[in-house]
Amino acid sequence: MPARICLRKLLIGCVALLGAPLSLAAKPILPAVIFGQAGRAVPVDTDADSTPGEPQFDTLTSPLPPNVPSLGYHITATSEFGDLVRLAGTAHFIDSVTVTMSSWAIRSDYPGPSSPGFTHPITLKLYEVDRRSGQARIGPMIAKVTTPFLIPWRPEPDATAPPSALRPWRAADGNYYAGLAFNLTFDLSALSIPLPDDVIVSISFNTQRHGDTPLGVEGPYNSLNVGLSSAPPAIGTDISPGAVYWKTADGSFYSDGGAAGVNVLRVDSGWGAATPAVRFNNSPYGTLADVAGRLTELNSSNRIMADAITEARKLATSALDRNLWENNRHPKAAWGQLVFNLLAETADELSTLAASRDPTAPAAGRAIDSLVTVAKSLAEAALGDAIIVGGNSTGVAIAQDAIEAATRAEAAGRADLVIDELGNAYREAQAAVR
């Protein structure tokens, strides 16, 4: 039987188990639930990634369910898959990008040393959008990050599952799944340039026969999929609903049958609500840049308030000096305390305005909240690093006390004191590892 017909039968069979029809023209989306009722899924603790910063675009499902609908790269001859997104906020100095994946690989199928998973390099690419032709096409590459991730095995088949070639496992919700959902986070904190408002994001990796460098041998990576979401973004904008960017060697999967090119990353329609499940996480530097941008647009007819805004704007801009920062996530060790001082002074300048009846008061309050968020991120990251490397226990304890003092100051509404205490925590955490 030709390989393409086998593939069609597999994809049709997956959906048939759910009782949903699938025409040959439908997109090859593998379902989340194999046996059971979709929507009954009880979230499980497989969302173990830490997420620095607030999202600027987010289509992830949180909490993460046992599995999500997905696109199988090997069985669809896929090399790269992504989406065109519009980021929220006024500045886009991204810390990281999180992507939901689905592992269909079973440990017992791959003899060898026991392991929680297998290691496989996965690449995230960001592209500019080229609209010169009137259609959004792939533009110059902005960034490319390849990371070797530990991919978890999905649970072993459950003996109580109905007969199926997919050998599903049973989750705590009573439903049966062929894959296990999990999140991967790509570190982009070293990217010191701001992203444009609109960006094309894609995920690529090698399988047995496809990818930038096909591996030529069968392996568990053939059972690795990219997760999909059908919900609109929680933040940010999906610019072209129903369309994705796809690179597949099988032209019949494209909505135009491959007429506009095969095995090339390009826009493809007909995906309905399905989009890659991805989240752009803002960085402390990015949050601060967003504050500075908002202060630039803030004005008051009251001279005293206007002067405070001007001074706050200057202080926030000074804190953004790249000479003070190691990357988007961390200030340089020698200048971290100066960054905290500038944050505290900015908050102090805005505090009178935020407590006034001036029309700009709510915006000033939001700016202060963002400054506190930046300070928390920096202090907690420094404390976490000190604990991980086994820093001096006394210094770690003092840093923890300072964070608790910041919590009390926050309850009292003293943002400047909050940032001062978080600065103390940052300083003590750093000293603990010297």
Protein backbone atom coordinates (compact mmCIF):
# COMPACT_ATOMS: atom_id res chain seq x y z
CA MET A 1 0.00 0.00 0.00
CA PRO A 2 1.48 3.43 -0.89
CA ALA A 3 2.84 5.36 2.10
CA ARG A 4 0.47 8.30 1.47
CA ILE A 5 -2.60 6.06 1.58
CA CYS A 6 -1.33 4.49 4.82
CA LEU A 7 -0.93 7.94 6.29
CA ARG A 8 -4.44 8.98 5.26
CA LYS A 9 -5.88 5.82 6.83
CA LEU A 10 -4.03 6.50 10.09
CA LEU A 11 -5.22 10.08 10.29
CA ILE A 12 -8.78 9.17 9.42
CA GLY A 13 -8.69 6.35 11.96
CA CYS A 14 -7.55 8.68 14.73
CA VAL A 15 -10.51 10.97 14.27
CA ALA A 16 -12.94 8.14 13.62
CA LEU A 17 -12.27 6.91 17.16
CA LEU A 18 -13.92 10.12 18.33
CA GLY A 19 -16.86 9.67 16.01
CA ALA A 20 -15.98 12.81 14.01
CA PRO A 21 -15.90 12.74 10.21
CA LEU A 22 -12.72 13.69 8.36
CA SER A 23 -12.56 14.28 4.63
CA LEU A 24 -9.36 13.76 2.67
CA ALA A 25 -9.14 17.55 2.31
CA ALA A 26 -9.22 18.10 6.09
CA LYS A 27 -6.08 19.12 7.92
CA PRO A 28 -4.14 16.24 9.54
CA ILE A 29 -4.77 17.23 13.14
CA LEU A 30 -4.36 14.39 15.64
CA PRO A 31 -6.98 14.56 18.41
CA ALA A 32 -6.23 14.98 22.09
CA VAL A 33 -8.64 12.31 23.40
CA ILE A 34 -8.68 8.86 21.75
CA PHE A 35 -11.46 7.23 23.76
CA GLY A 36 -13.77 9.22 26.01
CA GLN A 37 -15.43 12.58 25.78
CA ALA A 38 -13.38 15.58 24.72
CA GLY A 39 -13.80 18.35 27.24
CA ARG A 40 -13.76 16.04 30.26
CA ALA A 41 -10.01 16.33 30.56
CA VAL A 42 -8.77 16.97 34.10
CA PRO A 43 -5.56 19.05 34.13
CA VAL A 44 -2.43 17.24 35.30
CA ASP A 45 0.86 18.65 36.53
CA THR A 46 2.89 18.42 33.33
CA ASP A 47 3.29 22.19 32.98
CA ALA A 48 6.61 22.37 34.80
CA ASP A 49 8.22 25.31 33.02
CA SER A 50 8.71 28.58 34.86
CA THR A 51 7.39 31.59 33.01
CA PRO A 52 9.33 34.81 33.58
CA GLY A 53 7.39 37.95 32.85
CA GLU A 54 3.88 38.55 31.66
CA PRO A 55 2.91 37.11 28.27
CA GLN A 56 2.69 39.34 25.20
CA PHE A 57 1.02 36.60 23.18
CA ASP A 58 -0.57 33.46 24.58
CA THR A 59 -2.51 30.55 23.08
CA LEU A 60 -1.37 27.95 25.62
CA THR A 61 -3.90 25.91 27.56
CA SER A 62 -3.30 26.43 31.28
CA PRO A 63 -3.37 24.32 33.36
CA LEU A 64 -2.13 21.83 30.79
CA PRO A 65 -4.45 18.85 30.17
CA PRO A 66 -3.14 15.28 29.71
CA ASN A 67 -2.92 15.84 25.97
CA VAL A 68 -3.82 18.40 23.30
CA PRO A 69 -4.63 18.18 19.57
CA SER A 70 -1.38 18.15 17.64
CA LEU A 71 0.42 18.01 14.30
CA GLY A 72 2.69 14.99 13.81
CA TYR A 73 5.79 16.02 11.88
CA HIS A 74 6.93 12.60 10.69
CA ILE A 75 3.57 11.35 9.45
CA THR A 76 2.81 14.62 7.63
CA ALA A 77 6.28 15.11 6.09
CA THR A 78 6.58 18.36 8.06
CA SER A 79 9.84 20.23 8.61
CA GLU A 80 8.55 23.51 10.04
CA PHE A 81 5.25 24.87 11.36
CA GLY A 82 4.20 28.19 12.82
CA ASP A 83 1.93 31.23 12.92
CA LEU A 84 1.79 34.98 12.36
CA VAL A 85 1.13 36.79 15.64
CA ARG A 86 0.82 40.34 16.88
CA LEU A 87 2.44 40.99 20.26
CA ALA A 88 0.75 43.11 22.94
CA GLY A 89 2.47 46.06 24.61
CA THR A 90 4.61 48.88 23.30
CA ALA A 91 8.05 47.19 23.51
CA HIS A 92 9.00 43.58 22.77
CA PHE A 93 12.27 42.62 24.45
CA ILE A 94 11.26 38.98 24.88
CA ASP A 95 12.64 36.75 27.63
CA SER A 96 11.50 33.42 26.21
CA VAL A 97 8.98 31.59 24.07
CA THR A 98 7.04 28.60 25.39
CA VAL A 99 5.59 25.96 23.05
CA THR A 100 3.26 23.06 23.85
CA MET A 101 4.31 19.70 22.41
CA SER A 102 2.78 16.22 22.44
CA SER A 103 4.89 13.09 22.85
CA TRP A 104 3.48 9.85 21.44
CA ALA A 105 6.68 7.83 22.02
CA ILE A 106 6.44 4.86 24.39
CA ARG A 107 9.46 3.93 26.53
CA SER A 108 9.09 0.15 26.04
CA ASP A 109 9.40 0.57 22.25
CA TYR A 110 12.99 1.77 22.60
CA PRO A 111 15.25 -0.64 24.54
CA GLY A 112 18.11 0.87 26.46
CA PRO A 113 18.92 2.46 29.80
CA SER A 114 15.91 3.59 31.79
CA SER A 115 15.25 7.30 31.38
CA PRO A 116 12.40 9.77 31.90
CA GLY A 117 12.67 10.61 28.21
CA PHE A 118 14.92 11.09 25.21
CA THR A 119 16.95 14.13 24.22
CA HIS A 120 16.23 15.83 20.92
CA PRO A 121 17.22 19.26 19.52
CA ILE A 122 14.29 21.51 18.63
CA THR A 123 14.57 24.87 16.86
CA LEU A 124 12.51 28.01 17.32
CA LYS A 125 12.70 30.60 14.54
CA LEU A 126 11.36 34.15 14.43
CA TYR A 127 10.85 35.94 11.11
CA GLU A 128 9.95 39.43 10.03
CA VAL A 129 6.77 39.75 7.97
CA ASP A 130 7.22 40.66 4.30
CA ARG A 131 4.09 42.40 2.99
CA ARG A 132 5.53 43.88 -0.20
CA SER A 133 3.43 41.55 -2.36
CA GLY A 134 0.26 42.43 -0.49
CA GLN A 135 0.28 39.07 1.32
CA ALA A 136 2.07 38.32 4.58
CA ARG A 137 5.07 36.22 3.59
CA ILE A 138 8.17 35.00 5.39
CA GLY A 139 10.67 37.85 5.73
CA PRO A 140 14.25 37.97 7.02
CA MET A 141 15.03 35.75 10.01
CA ILE A 142 15.26 37.68 13.28
CA ALA A 143 16.39 34.88 15.57
CA LYS A 144 17.05 31.15 15.59
CA VAL A 145 17.46 29.16 18.80
CA THR A 146 18.19 25.42 18.85
CA THR A 147 17.97 23.70 22.22
CA PRO A 148 18.42 20.00 23.12
CA PHE A 149 15.36 19.22 25.23
CA LEU A 150 14.51 16.16 27.29
CA ILE A 151 11.32 14.84 25.70
CA PRO A 152 9.19 12.79 28.12
CA TRP A 153 7.87 9.35 27.20
CA ARG A 154 4.11 9.11 27.16
CA PRO A 155 2.76 6.59 29.69
CA GLU A 156 2.69 2.92 28.75
CA PRO A 157 -0.51 1.48 27.18
CA ASP A 158 -3.36 0.77 29.58
CA ALA A 159 -4.64 -2.80 29.67
CA THR A 160 -8.22 -1.56 30.09
CA ALA A 161 -8.16 0.51 26.88
CA PRO A 162 -10.40 -0.56 23.97
CA PRO A 163 -8.42 -2.24 21.17
CA SER A 164 -6.50 0.33 19.14
CA ALA A 165 -3.31 0.45 17.10
CA LEU A 166 -2.51 3.65 19.00
CA ARG A 167 -2.22 1.74 22.31
CA PRO A 168 -3.62 4.60 24.42
CA TRP A 169 -2.86 5.28 28.06
CA ARG A 170 -5.46 6.21 30.64
CA ALA A 171 -5.31 9.47 32.59
CA ALA A 172 -6.83 10.31 35.97
CA ASP A 173 -9.88 11.77 34.22
CA GLY A 174 -10.79 8.32 32.88
CA ASN A 175 -10.13 9.28 29.25
CA TYR A 176 -7.64 7.51 26.99
CA TYR A 177 -4.87 9.36 25.18
CA ALA A 178 -2.22 8.45 22.62
CA GLY A 179 0.06 11.38 23.51
CA LEU A 180 1.28 13.34 26.51
CA ALA A 181 1.22 17.15 26.45
CA PHE A 182 4.17 19.10 27.86
CA ASN A 183 5.69 22.55 27.47
CA LEU A 184 9.14 23.57 26.25
CA THR A 185 10.61 27.04 26.83
CA PHE A 186 13.24 28.58 24.54
CA ASP A 187 15.55 31.16 26.13
CA LEU A 188 15.63 34.39 24.10
CA SER A 189 16.90 36.68 26.86
CA ALA A 190 20.14 37.36 24.96
CA LEU A 191 18.19 38.91 22.06
CA SER A 192 18.93 42.56 22.77
CA ILE A 193 16.88 43.98 19.89
CA PRO A 194 13.13 44.57 20.19
CA LEU A 195 10.87 42.37 18.12
CA PRO A 196 8.45 44.06 15.71
CA ASP A 197 4.77 44.13 16.65
CA ASP A 198 4.06 41.42 14.05
CA VAL A 199 6.27 38.35 13.89
CA ILE A 200 6.12 34.86 12.40
CA VAL A 201 7.12 32.15 14.87
CA SER A 202 7.90 28.58 13.84
CA ILE A 203 9.05 25.27 15.34
CA SER A 204 11.25 22.83 13.47
CA PHE A 205 13.12 19.61 14.23
CA ASN A 206 14.55 16.64 12.37
CA THR A 207 12.78 13.31 12.00
CA GLN A 208 13.73 10.17 10.13
CA ARG A 209 13.01 11.59 6.68
CA HIS A 210 12.30 15.29 7.16
CA GLY A 211 13.77 18.46 8.65
CA ASP A 212 16.83 20.55 7.84
CA THR A 213 18.99 17.43 8.27
CA PRO A 214 16.91 14.22 8.14
CA LEU A 215 18.33 11.63 10.53
CA GLY A 216 17.84 8.62 8.27
CA VAL A 217 16.97 6.22 11.08
CA GLU A 218 13.75 5.49 12.93
CA GLY A 219 13.53 6.90 16.46
CA PRO A 220 11.19 8.30 19.11
CA TYR A 221 11.40 11.73 17.45
CA ASN A 222 9.09 10.30 14.77
CA SER A 223 6.38 10.36 17.45
CA LEU A 224 6.92 13.97 18.49
CA ASN A 225 4.19 16.49 17.64
CA VAL A 226 3.57 20.22 18.01
CA GLY A 227 0.54 21.04 20.14
CA LEU A 228 -2.41 23.03 18.79
CA SER A 229 -4.93 25.33 20.42
CA SER A 230 -8.42 26.23 19.24
CA ALA A 231 -8.94 29.09 21.70
CA PRO A 232 -8.33 32.73 20.69
CA PRO A 233 -5.21 34.30 22.22
CA ALA A 234 -5.55 35.26 25.87
CA ILE A 235 -3.35 38.23 25.03
CA GLY A 236 -2.01 39.44 21.70
CA THR A 237 -3.66 38.88 18.32
CA ASP A 238 -3.79 36.04 15.80
CA ILE A 239 -3.59 38.21 12.70
CA SER A 240 -4.87 35.63 10.21
CA PRO A 241 -7.34 33.25 11.92
CA GLY A 242 -7.65 29.99 10.01
CA ALA A 243 -4.18 30.29 8.47
CA VAL A 244 -0.81 28.95 9.58
CA TYR A 245 2.71 28.81 8.14
CA TRP A 246 3.69 25.30 7.10
CA LYS A 247 6.56 23.51 5.41
CA THR A 248 5.60 20.00 4.31
CA ALA A 249 7.00 17.82 1.55
CA ASP A 250 3.52 16.42 0.84
CA GLY A 251 1.81 18.98 -1.39
CA SER A 252 -1.58 17.32 -0.99
CA PHE A 253 -1.78 18.61 2.57
CA TYR A 254 -1.69 22.25 1.49
CA SER A 255 -5.08 23.79 0.81
CA ASP A 256 -3.97 24.63 -2.74
CA GLY A 257 -2.66 21.10 -3.32
CA GLY A 258 0.91 22.40 -3.43
CA ALA A 259 0.37 24.82 -6.32
CA ALA A 260 2.28 27.63 -4.58
CA GLY A 261 5.22 25.39 -3.70
CA VAL A 262 6.04 22.24 -1.78
CA ASN A 263 8.50 21.85 1.09
CA VAL A 264 8.66 25.61 1.59
CA LEU A 265 7.50 27.55 4.66
CA ARG A 266 4.45 29.52 3.48
CA VAL A 267 0.96 30.50 4.48
CA ASP A 268 -1.68 27.77 4.35
CA SER A 269 -5.41 28.33 4.90
CA GLY A 270 -8.19 26.03 6.01
CA TRP A 271 -7.11 25.43 9.61
CA GLY A 272 -10.26 26.79 11.23
CA ALA A 273 -9.59 27.70 14.85
CA ALA A 274 -6.45 25.54 15.14
CA THR A 275 -3.16 27.38 15.73
CA PRO A 276 0.18 26.41 17.27
CA ALA A 277 0.05 26.60 21.07
CA VAL A 278 2.68 29.22 21.87
CA ARG A 279 3.38 31.95 24.40
CA PHE A 280 5.79 34.92 24.18
CA ASN A 281 7.03 35.75 27.68
CA ASN A 282 8.09 39.32 28.39
CA SER A 283 11.39 40.05 30.16
CA PRO A 284 12.20 42.44 33.04
CA TYR A 285 13.98 44.68 30.54
CA GLY A 286 10.98 44.48 28.21
CA THR A 287 8.54 45.37 30.99
CA LEU A 288 10.69 48.35 31.92
CA ALA A 289 10.87 49.43 28.27
CA ASP A 290 7.08 49.19 28.10
CA VAL A 291 6.82 51.48 31.16
CA ALA A 292 9.16 54.01 29.56
CA GLY A 293 7.07 53.94 26.40
CA ARG A 294 3.85 54.52 28.30
CA LEU A 295 5.39 57.40 30.24
CA THR A 296 6.34 59.03 26.94
CA GLU A 297 2.64 59.15 26.06
CA LEU A 298 1.58 60.40 29.51
CA ASN A 299 0.90 64.13 30.01
CA SER A 300 -0.81 66.30 32.62
CA SER A 301 -2.13 69.85 32.56
CA ASN A 302 -1.00 70.22 36.18
CA ARG A 303 2.54 71.63 36.18
CA ILE A 304 3.67 69.73 39.28
CA MET A 305 2.30 66.46 37.93
CA ALA A 306 3.77 67.12 34.49
CA ASP A 307 7.20 67.70 36.06
CA ALA A 308 6.89 64.41 37.96
CA ILE A 309 6.05 62.57 34.75
CA THR A 310 9.03 64.13 32.98
CA GLU A 311 11.40 63.14 35.79
CA ALA A 312 9.97 59.61 35.97
CA ARG A 313 10.41 59.28 32.22
CA LYS A 314 14.09 60.31 32.48
CA LEU A 315 14.74 57.87 35.35
CA ALA A 316 13.07 54.92 33.58
CA THR A 317 15.01 55.68 30.40
CA SER A 318 18.27 55.81 32.38
CA ALA A 319 17.51 52.37 33.82
CA LEU A 320 17.25 51.03 30.26
CA ASP A 321 20.88 51.89 29.44
CA ARG A 322 22.20 48.71 27.82
CA ASN A 323 25.53 49.18 29.59
CA LEU A 324 23.72 48.32 32.83
CA TRP A 325 22.26 45.03 31.56
CA GLU A 326 23.81 41.63 30.91
CA ASN A 327 20.75 40.55 28.89
CA ASN A 328 16.99 41.09 28.94
CA ARG A 329 16.70 39.05 32.15
CA HIS A 330 19.62 40.19 34.32
CA PRO A 331 21.43 43.47 35.03
CA LYS A 332 25.21 43.30 35.11
CA ALA A 333 26.45 42.37 38.57
CA ALA A 334 28.22 45.70 39.06
CA TRP A 335 25.17 47.77 38.08
CA GLY A 336 22.24 45.83 39.51
CA GLN A 337 21.90 48.06 42.57
CA LEU A 338 21.86 51.15 40.38
CA VAL A 339 19.01 49.66 38.36
CA PHE A 340 17.03 49.09 41.58
CA ASN A 341 17.72 52.65 42.73
CA LEU A 342 16.43 54.02 39.43
CA LEU A 343 13.31 51.83 39.66
CA ALA A 344 12.61 53.07 43.19
CA GLU A 345 13.12 56.72 42.22
CA THR A 346 10.82 56.31 39.22
CA ALA A 347 8.12 54.82 41.44
CA ASP A 348 8.62 57.63 43.97
CA GLU A 349 8.12 60.29 41.30
CA LEU A 350 4.91 58.62 40.15
CA SER A 351 3.46 57.89 43.60
CA THR A 352 2.04 61.39 44.22
CA LEU A 353 0.49 61.41 40.76
CA ALA A 354 -1.01 57.94 41.29
CA ALA A 355 -2.63 59.07 44.55
CA SER A 356 -4.05 62.28 43.05
CA ARG A 357 -7.27 63.03 41.19
CA ASP A 358 -5.37 63.85 38.02
CA PRO A 359 -6.78 62.06 34.94
CA THR A 360 -3.40 60.36 34.49
CA ALA A 361 -3.48 58.80 37.98
CA PRO A 362 -4.66 55.31 36.86
CA ALA A 363 -1.92 55.14 34.22
CA ALA A 364 0.67 56.19 36.80
CA GLY A 365 -0.58 53.46 39.14
CA ARG A 366 -0.25 50.85 36.41
CA ALA A 367 3.27 52.04 35.67
CA ILE A 368 4.20 51.65 39.35
CA ASP A 369 2.77 48.12 39.38
CA SER A 370 4.94 47.28 36.38
CA LEU A 371 8.04 48.68 38.10
CA VAL A 372 7.33 46.46 41.10
CA THR A 373 6.94 43.49 38.73
CA VAL A 374 10.38 44.20 37.28
CA ALA A 375 11.95 44.46 40.73
CA LYS A 376 10.29 41.21 41.86
CA SER A 377 11.54 39.37 38.78
CA LEU A 378 15.12 40.53 39.30
CA ALA A 379 15.17 39.80 43.04
CA GLU A 380 13.49 36.41 42.80
CA ALA A 381 15.77 35.35 39.94
CA ALA A 382 18.87 36.32 41.94
CA LEU A 383 17.59 34.46 45.01
CA GLY A 384 16.74 31.40 42.92
CA ASP A 385 20.23 31.38 41.40
CA ALA A 386 21.79 31.65 44.87
CA ILE A 387 19.78 28.70 46.15
CA ILE A 388 20.53 26.55 43.07
CA VAL A 389 24.31 27.04 43.30
CA GLY A 390 24.33 26.47 47.06
CA GLY A 391 25.14 30.04 48.08
CA ASN A 392 25.97 31.13 51.62
CA SER A 393 22.98 30.15 53.76
CA THR A 394 23.12 33.30 55.88
CA GLY A 395 23.04 35.54 52.81
CA VAL A 396 20.19 33.52 51.32
CA ALA A 397 18.19 33.83 54.56
CA ILE A 398 18.73 37.62 54.65
CA ALA A 399 17.58 37.86 51.03
CA GLN A 400 14.44 35.87 51.88
CA ASP A 401 13.74 38.17 54.82
CA ALA A 402 14.04 41.18 52.53
CA ILE A 403 11.52 39.70 50.10
CA GLU A 404 9.12 39.15 53.01
CA ALA A 405 9.66 42.79 54.05
CA ALA A 406 8.83 43.82 50.49
CA THR A 407 5.57 41.88 50.73
CA ARG A 408 4.65 43.81 53.88
CA ALA A 409 5.53 47.12 52.25
CA GLU A 410 3.38 46.22 49.26
CA ALA A 411 0.43 45.57 51.55
CA ALA A 412 0.98 49.04 52.98
CA GLY A 413 0.93 50.57 49.50
CA ARG A 414 4.55 51.78 49.60
CA ALA A 415 5.86 50.88 46.14
CA ASP A 416 9.14 52.75 46.64
CA LEU A 417 9.84 50.76 49.83
CA VAL A 418 8.84 47.56 48.06
CA ILE A 419 11.48 48.16 45.41
CA ASP A 420 14.07 49.19 48.04
CA GLU A 421 13.53 45.93 49.93
CA LEU A 422 13.65 43.90 46.73
CA GLY A 423 16.90 45.68 45.93
CA ASN A 424 18.23 44.56 49.30
CA ALA A 425 17.17 41.00 48.49
CA TYR A 426 18.93 41.22 45.14
CA ARG A 427 22.15 42.53 46.73
CA GLU A 428 22.21 39.88 49.48
CA ALA A 429 21.45 37.06 47.01
CA GLN A 430 24.32 38.16 44.82
CA ALA A 431 26.68 38.44 47.79
CA ALA A 432 25.72 34.90 48.86
CA VAL A 433 27.34 33.39 45.78
CA ARG A 434 30.58 35.40 45.78
